[in-house]
PDB file of all heavy atoms in Angstrom:
ATOM      1  N   MET A   1      71.030  -0.918 -19.273  1.00  0.00           N
ATOM      2  CA  MET A   1      71.036  -2.206 -19.943  1.00  0.00           C
ATOM      3  C   MET A   1      69.730  -2.866 -19.919  1.00  0.00           C
ATOM      4  O   MET A   1      69.135  -3.318 -20.895  1.00  0.00           O
ATOM      5  CB  MET A   1      72.198  -3.116 -19.516  1.00  0.00           C
ATOM      6  CG  MET A   1      72.249  -4.434 -20.252  1.00  0.00           C
ATOM      7  SD  MET A   1      72.809  -4.204 -21.954  1.00  0.00           S
ATOM      8  CE  MET A   1      74.400  -3.807 -21.866  1.00  0.00           C
ATOM      9  N   LYS A   2      69.024  -2.885 -18.630  1.00  0.00           N
ATOM     10  CA  LYS A   2      67.829  -3.523 -18.576  1.00  0.00           C
ATOM     11  C   LYS A   2      66.739  -2.870 -19.332  1.00  0.00           C
ATOM     12  O   LYS A   2      66.017  -3.364 -19.987  1.00  0.00           O
ATOM     13  CB  LYS A   2      67.457  -3.550 -17.102  1.00  0.00           C
ATOM     14  CG  LYS A   2      68.253  -4.572 -16.261  1.00  0.00           C
ATOM     15  CD  LYS A   2      67.850  -4.552 -14.820  1.00  0.00           C
ATOM     16  CE  LYS A   2      68.667  -5.599 -13.987  1.00  0.00           C
ATOM     17  NZ  LYS A   2      68.235  -5.612 -12.606  1.00  0.00           N
ATOM     18  N   ASN A   3      66.893  -1.414 -19.381  1.00  0.00           N
ATOM     19  CA  ASN A   3      65.871  -0.692 -20.082  1.00  0.00           C
ATOM     20  C   ASN A   3      65.932  -0.981 -21.627  1.00  0.00           C
ATOM     21  O   ASN A   3      64.891  -1.115 -22.289  1.00  0.00           O
ATOM     22  CB  ASN A   3      66.055   0.783 -19.867  1.00  0.00           C
ATOM     23  CG  ASN A   3      65.526   1.202 -18.442  1.00  0.00           C
ATOM     24  OD1 ASN A   3      64.780   0.504 -17.852  1.00  0.00           O
ATOM     25  ND2 ASN A   3      66.118   2.266 -17.934  1.00  0.00           N
ATOM     26  N   ASN A   4      67.315  -1.050 -22.122  1.00  0.00           N
ATOM     27  CA  ASN A   4      67.498  -1.334 -23.541  1.00  0.00           C
ATOM     28  C   ASN A   4      66.919  -2.767 -23.875  1.00  0.00           C
ATOM     29  O   ASN A   4      66.336  -2.963 -24.994  1.00  0.00           O
ATOM     30  CB  ASN A   4      68.890  -1.302 -23.837  1.00  0.00           C
ATOM     31  CG  ASN A   4      69.484   0.068 -23.791  1.00  0.00           C
ATOM     32  OD1 ASN A   4      68.712   1.036 -23.967  1.00  0.00           O
ATOM     33  ND2 ASN A   4      70.710   0.227 -23.546  1.00  0.00           N
ATOM     34  N   THR A   5      67.084  -3.748 -22.934  1.00  0.00           N
ATOM     35  CA  THR A   5      66.608  -5.197 -23.203  1.00  0.00           C
ATOM     36  C   THR A   5      65.111  -5.036 -23.348  1.00  0.00           C
ATOM     37  O   THR A   5      64.397  -5.718 -24.109  1.00  0.00           O
ATOM     38  CB  THR A   5      67.095  -6.044 -22.068  1.00  0.00           C
ATOM     39  OG1 THR A   5      68.527  -6.015 -22.188  1.00  0.00           O
ATOM     40  CG2 THR A   5      66.718  -7.444 -22.389  1.00  0.00           C
ATOM     41  N   PHE A   6      64.427  -4.318 -22.300  1.00  0.00           N
ATOM     42  CA  PHE A   6      62.995  -4.252 -22.327  1.00  0.00           C
ATOM     43  C   PHE A   6      62.487  -3.596 -23.577  1.00  0.00           C
ATOM     44  O   PHE A   6      61.513  -4.146 -24.078  1.00  0.00           O
ATOM     45  CB  PHE A   6      62.624  -3.427 -21.004  1.00  0.00           C
ATOM     46  CG  PHE A   6      61.165  -3.343 -20.878  1.00  0.00           C
ATOM     47  CD1 PHE A   6      60.286  -4.304 -20.422  1.00  0.00           C
ATOM     48  CD2 PHE A   6      60.437  -2.101 -21.245  1.00  0.00           C
ATOM     49  CE1 PHE A   6      58.879  -4.256 -20.375  1.00  0.00           C
ATOM     50  CE2 PHE A   6      59.131  -1.973 -21.089  1.00  0.00           C
ATOM     51  CZ  PHE A   6      58.332  -3.058 -20.632  1.00  0.00           C
ATOM     52  N   ARG A   7      63.115  -2.564 -23.965  1.00  0.00           N
ATOM     53  CA  ARG A   7      62.624  -1.950 -25.234  1.00  0.00           C
ATOM     54  C   ARG A   7      62.755  -2.806 -26.399  1.00  0.00           C
ATOM     55  O   ARG A   7      61.914  -2.850 -27.287  1.00  0.00           O
ATOM     56  CB  ARG A   7      63.446  -0.581 -25.465  1.00  0.00           C
ATOM     57  CG  ARG A   7      63.067   0.560 -24.520  1.00  0.00           C
ATOM     58  CD  ARG A   7      63.430   1.947 -25.105  1.00  0.00           C
ATOM     59  NE  ARG A   7      64.863   1.990 -24.986  1.00  0.00           N
ATOM     60  CZ  ARG A   7      65.634   2.460 -24.025  1.00  0.00           C
ATOM     61  NH1 ARG A   7      65.032   2.906 -22.932  1.00  0.00           N
ATOM     62  NH2 ARG A   7      66.873   2.492 -24.067  1.00  0.00           N
ATOM     63  N   PHE A   8      63.952  -3.547 -26.363  1.00  0.00           N
ATOM     64  CA  PHE A   8      64.115  -4.504 -27.530  1.00  0.00           C
ATOM     65  C   PHE A   8      63.009  -5.629 -27.509  1.00  0.00           C
ATOM     66  O   PHE A   8      62.456  -5.909 -28.618  1.00  0.00           O
ATOM     67  CB  PHE A   8      65.445  -5.105 -27.393  1.00  0.00           C
ATOM     68  CG  PHE A   8      65.813  -6.070 -28.546  1.00  0.00           C
ATOM     69  CD1 PHE A   8      65.570  -5.775 -29.905  1.00  0.00           C
ATOM     70  CD2 PHE A   8      66.545  -7.246 -28.242  1.00  0.00           C
ATOM     71  CE1 PHE A   8      65.926  -6.613 -30.788  1.00  0.00           C
ATOM     72  CE2 PHE A   8      66.943  -8.113 -29.225  1.00  0.00           C
ATOM     73  CZ  PHE A   8      66.632  -7.724 -30.544  1.00  0.00           C
ATOM     74  N   ILE A   9      62.574  -6.077 -26.387  1.00  0.00           N
ATOM     75  CA  ILE A   9      61.625  -7.146 -26.308  1.00  0.00           C
ATOM     76  C   ILE A   9      60.342  -6.560 -26.711  1.00  0.00           C
ATOM     77  O   ILE A   9      59.540  -7.204 -27.526  1.00  0.00           O
ATOM     78  CB  ILE A   9      61.482  -7.727 -24.954  1.00  0.00           C
ATOM     79  CG1 ILE A   9      62.734  -8.481 -24.650  1.00  0.00           C
ATOM     80  CG2 ILE A   9      60.223  -8.618 -24.786  1.00  0.00           C
ATOM     81  CD1 ILE A   9      62.923  -9.044 -23.135  1.00  0.00           C
ATOM     82  N   ILE A  10      59.965  -5.374 -26.243  1.00  0.00           N
ATOM     83  CA  ILE A  10      58.652  -4.706 -26.704  1.00  0.00           C
ATOM     84  C   ILE A  10      58.683  -4.557 -28.247  1.00  0.00           C
ATOM     85  O   ILE A  10      57.618  -4.804 -28.955  1.00  0.00           O
ATOM     86  CB  ILE A  10      58.520  -3.315 -25.985  1.00  0.00           C
ATOM     87  CG1 ILE A  10      58.331  -3.548 -24.519  1.00  0.00           C
ATOM     88  CG2 ILE A  10      57.378  -2.612 -26.514  1.00  0.00           C
ATOM     89  CD1 ILE A  10      57.094  -4.443 -24.185  1.00  0.00           C
ATOM     90  N   LEU A  11      59.789  -4.085 -28.754  1.00  0.00           N
ATOM     91  CA  LEU A  11      59.853  -3.906 -30.284  1.00  0.00           C
ATOM     92  C   LEU A  11      59.706  -5.162 -30.975  1.00  0.00           C
ATOM     93  O   LEU A  11      58.874  -5.193 -31.961  1.00  0.00           O
ATOM     94  CB  LEU A  11      61.227  -3.363 -30.584  1.00  0.00           C
ATOM     95  CG  LEU A  11      61.512  -3.140 -32.131  1.00  0.00           C
ATOM     96  CD1 LEU A  11      60.546  -2.175 -32.706  1.00  0.00           C
ATOM     97  CD2 LEU A  11      62.973  -2.678 -32.307  1.00  0.00           C
ATOM     98  N   MET A  12      60.219  -6.194 -30.474  1.00  0.00           N
ATOM     99  CA  MET A  12      60.155  -7.496 -31.135  1.00  0.00           C
ATOM    100  C   MET A  12      58.741  -8.013 -31.005  1.00  0.00           C
ATOM    101  O   MET A  12      58.190  -8.671 -31.953  1.00  0.00           O
ATOM    102  CB  MET A  12      61.019  -8.550 -30.434  1.00  0.00           C
ATOM    103  CG  MET A  12      62.551  -8.291 -30.818  1.00  0.00           C
ATOM    104  SD  MET A  12      63.001  -8.452 -32.435  1.00  0.00           S
ATOM    105  CE  MET A  12      62.773 -10.103 -32.753  1.00  0.00           C
ATOM    106  N   ILE A  13      57.986  -7.879 -29.939  1.00  0.00           N
ATOM    107  CA  ILE A  13      56.641  -8.256 -29.688  1.00  0.00           C
ATOM    108  C   ILE A  13      55.714  -7.477 -30.829  1.00  0.00           C
ATOM    109  O   ILE A  13      54.832  -8.118 -31.415  1.00  0.00           O
ATOM    110  CB  ILE A  13      56.174  -8.024 -28.324  1.00  0.00           C
ATOM    111  CG1 ILE A  13      56.781  -8.909 -27.417  1.00  0.00           C
ATOM    112  CG2 ILE A  13      54.631  -8.106 -28.202  1.00  0.00           C
ATOM    113  CD1 ILE A  13      56.517  -8.681 -26.008  1.00  0.00           C
ATOM    114  N   ALA A  14      56.028  -6.245 -31.073  1.00  0.00           N
ATOM    115  CA  ALA A  14      55.320  -5.495 -31.994  1.00  0.00           C
ATOM    116  C   ALA A  14      55.496  -6.020 -33.386  1.00  0.00           C
ATOM    117  O   ALA A  14      54.572  -6.133 -34.060  1.00  0.00           O
ATOM    118  CB  ALA A  14      55.616  -3.982 -31.926  1.00  0.00           C
ATOM    119  N   ILE A  15      56.754  -6.364 -33.711  1.00  0.00           N
ATOM    120  CA  ILE A  15      57.093  -6.934 -34.956  1.00  0.00           C
ATOM    121  C   ILE A  15      56.345  -8.245 -35.114  1.00  0.00           C
ATOM    122  O   ILE A  15      55.686  -8.462 -36.145  1.00  0.00           O
ATOM    123  CB  ILE A  15      58.537  -7.098 -35.119  1.00  0.00           C
ATOM    124  CG1 ILE A  15      59.342  -5.835 -35.194  1.00  0.00           C
ATOM    125  CG2 ILE A  15      58.906  -7.952 -36.365  1.00  0.00           C
ATOM    126  CD1 ILE A  15      60.748  -5.803 -35.163  1.00  0.00           C
ATOM    127  N   LEU A  16      56.358  -9.004 -34.082  1.00  0.00           N
ATOM    128  CA  LEU A  16      55.751 -10.363 -34.136  1.00  0.00           C
ATOM    129  C   LEU A  16      54.253 -10.285 -34.223  1.00  0.00           C
ATOM    130  O   LEU A  16      53.613 -11.199 -34.892  1.00  0.00           O
ATOM    131  CB  LEU A  16      56.233 -11.203 -33.022  1.00  0.00           C
ATOM    132  CG  LEU A  16      57.768 -11.598 -33.042  1.00  0.00           C
ATOM    133  CD1 LEU A  16      58.054 -12.399 -31.712  1.00  0.00           C
ATOM    134  CD2 LEU A  16      57.972 -12.463 -34.176  1.00  0.00           C
ATOM    135  N   SER A  17      53.728  -9.240 -33.691  1.00  0.00           N
ATOM    136  CA  SER A  17      52.220  -9.112 -33.777  1.00  0.00           C
ATOM    137  C   SER A  17      51.892  -8.788 -35.189  1.00  0.00           C
ATOM    138  O   SER A  17      50.939  -9.419 -35.757  1.00  0.00           O
ATOM    139  CB  SER A  17      51.798  -7.922 -32.881  1.00  0.00           C
ATOM    140  OG  SER A  17      52.038  -8.263 -31.489  1.00  0.00           O
ATOM    141  N   LEU A  18      52.730  -8.016 -35.878  1.00  0.00           N
ATOM    142  CA  LEU A  18      52.467  -7.706 -37.220  1.00  0.00           C
ATOM    143  C   LEU A  18      52.602  -8.987 -38.098  1.00  0.00           C
ATOM    144  O   LEU A  18      51.857  -9.262 -39.043  1.00  0.00           O
ATOM    145  CB  LEU A  18      53.381  -6.606 -37.759  1.00  0.00           C
ATOM    146  CG  LEU A  18      53.253  -5.248 -37.146  1.00  0.00           C
ATOM    147  CD1 LEU A  18      54.340  -4.411 -37.629  1.00  0.00           C
ATOM    148  CD2 LEU A  18      51.871  -4.702 -37.709  1.00  0.00           C
ATOM    149  N   VAL A  19      53.599  -9.782 -37.795  1.00  0.00           N
ATOM    150  CA  VAL A  19      53.909 -10.968 -38.462  1.00  0.00           C
ATOM    151  C   VAL A  19      52.772 -12.008 -38.278  1.00  0.00           C
ATOM    152  O   VAL A  19      52.300 -12.630 -39.182  1.00  0.00           O
ATOM    153  CB  VAL A  19      55.129 -11.641 -37.893  1.00  0.00           C
ATOM    154  CG1 VAL A  19      55.281 -13.124 -38.397  1.00  0.00           C
ATOM    155  CG2 VAL A  19      56.381 -10.853 -38.379  1.00  0.00           C
ATOM    156  N   SER A  20      52.195 -11.963 -37.041  1.00  0.00           N
ATOM    157  CA  SER A  20      50.990 -12.827 -36.788  1.00  0.00           C
ATOM    158  C   SER A  20      49.753 -12.465 -37.600  1.00  0.00           C
ATOM    159  O   SER A  20      49.144 -13.325 -38.185  1.00  0.00           O
ATOM    160  CB  SER A  20      50.602 -12.736 -35.260  1.00  0.00           C
ATOM    161  OG  SER A  20      49.507 -13.393 -35.021  1.00  0.00           O
ATOM    162  N   CYS A  21      49.579 -11.226 -37.773  1.00  0.00           N
ATOM    163  CA  CYS A  21      48.408 -10.865 -38.721  1.00  0.00           C
ATOM    164  C   CYS A  21      48.634 -11.254 -40.123  1.00  0.00           C
ATOM    165  O   CYS A  21      47.742 -11.814 -40.719  1.00  0.00           O
ATOM    166  CB  CYS A  21      48.199  -9.306 -38.537  1.00  0.00           C
ATOM    167  SG  CYS A  21      47.696  -8.670 -36.955  1.00  0.00           S
ATOM    168  N   ALA A  22      49.856 -11.062 -40.534  1.00  0.00           N
ATOM    169  CA  ALA A  22      50.119 -11.390 -42.065  1.00  0.00           C
ATOM    170  C   ALA A  22      50.063 -12.954 -42.082  1.00  0.00           C
ATOM    171  O   ALA A  22      49.574 -13.519 -43.132  1.00  0.00           O
ATOM    172  CB  ALA A  22      51.485 -10.910 -42.414  1.00  0.00           C
ATOM    173  N   SER A  23      50.541 -13.656 -41.053  1.00  0.00           N
ATOM    174  CA  SER A  23      50.553 -15.081 -41.176  1.00  0.00           C
ATOM    175  C   SER A  23      49.213 -15.683 -41.149  1.00  0.00           C
ATOM    176  O   SER A  23      48.947 -16.734 -41.821  1.00  0.00           O
ATOM    177  CB  SER A  23      51.435 -15.684 -40.033  1.00  0.00           C
ATOM    178  OG  SER A  23      52.806 -15.168 -40.198  1.00  0.00           O
ATOM    179  N   ARG A  24      48.284 -15.058 -40.383  1.00  0.00           N
ATOM    180  CA  ARG A  24      46.884 -15.639 -40.364  1.00  0.00           C
ATOM    181  C   ARG A  24      46.204 -15.422 -41.801  1.00  0.00           C
ATOM    182  O   ARG A  24      45.502 -16.399 -42.167  1.00  0.00           O
ATOM    183  CB  ARG A  24      46.032 -14.861 -39.350  1.00  0.00           C
ATOM    184  CG  ARG A  24      46.464 -15.140 -37.833  1.00  0.00           C
ATOM    185  CD  ARG A  24      45.630 -14.364 -36.894  1.00  0.00           C
ATOM    186  NE  ARG A  24      46.269 -14.592 -35.553  1.00  0.00           N
ATOM    187  CZ  ARG A  24      46.000 -15.579 -34.752  1.00  0.00           C
ATOM    188  NH1 ARG A  24      45.129 -16.519 -35.229  1.00  0.00           N
ATOM    189  NH2 ARG A  24      46.547 -15.714 -33.558  1.00  0.00           N
ATOM    190  N   LYS A  25      46.650 -14.416 -42.425  1.00  0.00           N
ATOM    191  CA  LYS A  25      46.024 -14.220 -43.799  1.00  0.00           C
ATOM    192  C   LYS A  25      46.694 -15.337 -44.761  1.00  0.00           C
ATOM    193  O   LYS A  25      45.984 -15.941 -45.538  1.00  0.00           O
ATOM    194  CB  LYS A  25      46.358 -12.913 -44.397  1.00  0.00           C
ATOM    195  CG  LYS A  25      45.564 -11.743 -43.734  1.00  0.00           C
ATOM    196  CD  LYS A  25      46.057 -10.373 -44.212  1.00  0.00           C
ATOM    197  CE  LYS A  25      45.359  -9.305 -43.467  1.00  0.00           C
ATOM    198  NZ  LYS A  25      45.875  -7.922 -44.011  1.00  0.00           N
ATOM    199  N   VAL A  26      47.858 -15.666 -44.537  1.00  0.00           N
ATOM    200  CA  VAL A  26      48.637 -16.628 -45.366  1.00  0.00           C
ATOM    201  C   VAL A  26      47.996 -18.092 -45.040  1.00  0.00           C
ATOM    202  O   VAL A  26      47.665 -18.738 -46.018  1.00  0.00           O
ATOM    203  CB  VAL A  26      50.144 -16.631 -45.035  1.00  0.00           C
ATOM    204  CG1 VAL A  26      50.693 -17.764 -45.728  1.00  0.00           C
ATOM    205  CG2 VAL A  26      50.736 -15.356 -45.582  1.00  0.00           C
ATOM    206  N   SER A  27      47.681 -18.193 -43.857  1.00  0.00           N
ATOM    207  CA  SER A  27      47.275 -19.567 -43.469  1.00  0.00           C
ATOM    208  C   SER A  27      45.896 -19.925 -43.949  1.00  0.00           C
ATOM    209  O   SER A  27      45.516 -21.060 -44.264  1.00  0.00           O
ATOM    210  CB  SER A  27      47.189 -19.676 -41.869  1.00  0.00           C
ATOM    211  OG  SER A  27      46.310 -18.873 -41.265  1.00  0.00           O
ATOM    212  N   GLN A  28      45.065 -18.777 -44.198  1.00  0.00           N
ATOM    213  CA  GLN A  28      43.863 -19.050 -44.774  1.00  0.00           C
ATOM    214  C   GLN A  28      43.876 -19.524 -46.126  1.00  0.00           C
ATOM    215  O   GLN A  28      42.887 -20.223 -46.720  1.00  0.00           O
ATOM    216  CB  GLN A  28      42.907 -17.704 -44.754  1.00  0.00           C
ATOM    217  CG  GLN A  28      42.677 -17.222 -43.274  1.00  0.00           C
ATOM    218  CD  GLN A  28      42.003 -15.772 -43.259  1.00  0.00           C
ATOM    219  OE1 GLN A  28      41.842 -15.265 -44.294  1.00  0.00           O
ATOM    220  NE2 GLN A  28      41.787 -15.494 -42.153  1.00  0.00           N
ATOM    221  N   SER A  29      44.948 -19.185 -46.840  1.00  0.00           N
ATOM    222  CA  SER A  29      45.026 -19.746 -48.257  1.00  0.00           C
ATOM    223  C   SER A  29      45.768 -21.101 -48.319  1.00  0.00           C
ATOM    224  O   SER A  29      45.977 -21.592 -49.416  1.00  0.00           O
ATOM    225  CB  SER A  29      45.854 -18.755 -49.129  1.00  0.00           C
ATOM    226  OG  SER A  29      47.099 -18.573 -48.554  1.00  0.00           O
ATOM    227  N   GLN A  30      46.264 -21.579 -47.153  1.00  0.00           N
ATOM    228  CA  GLN A  30      47.022 -22.842 -47.139  1.00  0.00           C
ATOM    229  C   GLN A  30      45.981 -23.988 -47.042  1.00  0.00           C
ATOM    230  O   GLN A  30      44.861 -23.910 -46.586  1.00  0.00           O
ATOM    231  CB  GLN A  30      47.917 -22.900 -46.057  1.00  0.00           C
ATOM    232  CG  GLN A  30      49.063 -21.914 -46.008  1.00  0.00           C
ATOM    233  CD  GLN A  30      49.936 -21.984 -47.141  1.00  0.00           C
ATOM    234  OE1 GLN A  30      50.150 -22.984 -47.690  1.00  0.00           O
ATOM    235  NE2 GLN A  30      50.385 -20.806 -47.667  1.00  0.00           N
ATOM    236  N   PRO A  31      46.451 -25.200 -47.548  1.00  0.00           N
ATOM    237  CA  PRO A  31      45.555 -26.339 -47.419  1.00  0.00           C
ATOM    238  C   PRO A  31      45.289 -26.719 -45.991  1.00  0.00           C
ATOM    239  O   PRO A  31      45.972 -26.373 -45.165  1.00  0.00           O
ATOM    240  CB  PRO A  31      46.281 -27.445 -48.241  1.00  0.00           C
ATOM    241  CG  PRO A  31      47.790 -26.986 -48.217  1.00  0.00           C
ATOM    242  CD  PRO A  31      47.667 -25.423 -48.270  1.00  0.00           C
ATOM    243  N   GLN A  32      44.249 -27.514 -45.741  1.00  0.00           N
ATOM    244  CA  GLN A  32      43.961 -27.951 -44.383  1.00  0.00           C
ATOM    245  C   GLN A  32      45.126 -28.620 -43.566  1.00  0.00           C
ATOM    246  O   GLN A  32      45.273 -28.552 -42.393  1.00  0.00           O
ATOM    247  CB  GLN A  32      42.763 -28.871 -44.423  1.00  0.00           C
ATOM    248  CG  GLN A  32      42.117 -29.143 -43.029  1.00  0.00           C
ATOM    249  CD  GLN A  32      41.463 -27.918 -42.484  1.00  0.00           C
ATOM    250  OE1 GLN A  32      41.031 -27.036 -43.044  1.00  0.00           O
ATOM    251  NE2 GLN A  32      41.572 -27.870 -41.065  1.00  0.00           N
ATOM    252  N   SER A  33      46.032 -29.320 -44.310  1.00  0.00           N
ATOM    253  CA  SER A  33      47.203 -29.947 -43.740  1.00  0.00           C
ATOM    254  C   SER A  33      48.114 -28.918 -43.147  1.00  0.00           C
ATOM    255  O   SER A  33      48.930 -29.464 -42.244  1.00  0.00           O
ATOM    256  CB  SER A  33      47.891 -30.788 -44.753  1.00  0.00           C
ATOM    257  OG  SER A  33      48.402 -29.853 -45.774  1.00  0.00           O
ATOM    258  N   SER A  34      47.943 -27.704 -43.390  1.00  0.00           N
ATOM    259  CA  SER A  34      48.879 -26.721 -42.723  1.00  0.00           C
ATOM    260  C   SER A  34      48.304 -26.328 -41.298  1.00  0.00           C
ATOM    261  O   SER A  34      49.021 -25.761 -40.562  1.00  0.00           O
ATOM    262  CB  SER A  34      48.938 -25.451 -43.637  1.00  0.00           C
ATOM    263  OG  SER A  34      49.484 -25.840 -44.854  1.00  0.00           O
ATOM    264  N   ALA A  35      47.144 -26.620 -41.087  1.00  0.00           N
ATOM    265  CA  ALA A  35      46.555 -26.188 -39.828  1.00  0.00           C
ATOM    266  C   ALA A  35      47.185 -26.449 -38.611  1.00  0.00           C
ATOM    267  O   ALA A  35      47.533 -25.656 -37.671  1.00  0.00           O
ATOM    268  CB  ALA A  35      45.090 -26.573 -39.729  1.00  0.00           C
ATOM    269  N   PRO A  36      47.719 -27.704 -38.357  1.00  0.00           N
ATOM    270  CA  PRO A  36      48.408 -28.015 -37.089  1.00  0.00           C
ATOM    271  C   PRO A  36      49.675 -27.245 -37.021  1.00  0.00           C
ATOM    272  O   PRO A  36      50.034 -26.812 -35.899  1.00  0.00           O
ATOM    273  CB  PRO A  36      48.652 -29.591 -37.353  1.00  0.00           C
ATOM    274  CG  PRO A  36      47.608 -30.061 -38.222  1.00  0.00           C
ATOM    275  CD  PRO A  36      47.374 -28.970 -39.176  1.00  0.00           C
ATOM    276  N   ALA A  37      50.409 -27.153 -38.068  1.00  0.00           N
ATOM    277  CA  ALA A  37      51.673 -26.366 -38.031  1.00  0.00           C
ATOM    278  C   ALA A  37      51.425 -24.908 -37.504  1.00  0.00           C
ATOM    279  O   ALA A  37      52.073 -24.365 -36.727  1.00  0.00           O
ATOM    280  CB  ALA A  37      52.270 -26.410 -39.381  1.00  0.00           C
ATOM    281  N   PHE A  38      50.326 -24.336 -38.087  1.00  0.00           N
ATOM    282  CA  PHE A  38      50.095 -22.806 -37.758  1.00  0.00           C
ATOM    283  C   PHE A  38      49.462 -22.800 -36.416  1.00  0.00           C
ATOM    284  O   PHE A  38      49.650 -21.765 -35.680  1.00  0.00           O
ATOM    285  CB  PHE A  38      49.077 -22.288 -38.779  1.00  0.00           C
ATOM    286  CG  PHE A  38      49.773 -21.709 -39.946  1.00  0.00           C
ATOM    287  CD1 PHE A  38      49.875 -22.415 -41.075  1.00  0.00           C
ATOM    288  CD2 PHE A  38      50.284 -20.431 -39.861  1.00  0.00           C
ATOM    289  CE1 PHE A  38      50.663 -21.849 -42.160  1.00  0.00           C
ATOM    290  CE2 PHE A  38      50.900 -19.867 -40.949  1.00  0.00           C
ATOM    291  CZ  PHE A  38      51.139 -20.631 -42.048  1.00  0.00           C
TER     292      PHE A  38
END
């Protein structure tokens, strides 16, 4: 169970890392007022 949980967390971190890259690109096109939120 612990191993499954660890693998799940690692998988989620990988997903979120991809999300982060995509989001940074999105944020560049957002107005300056979005900066604090990002």
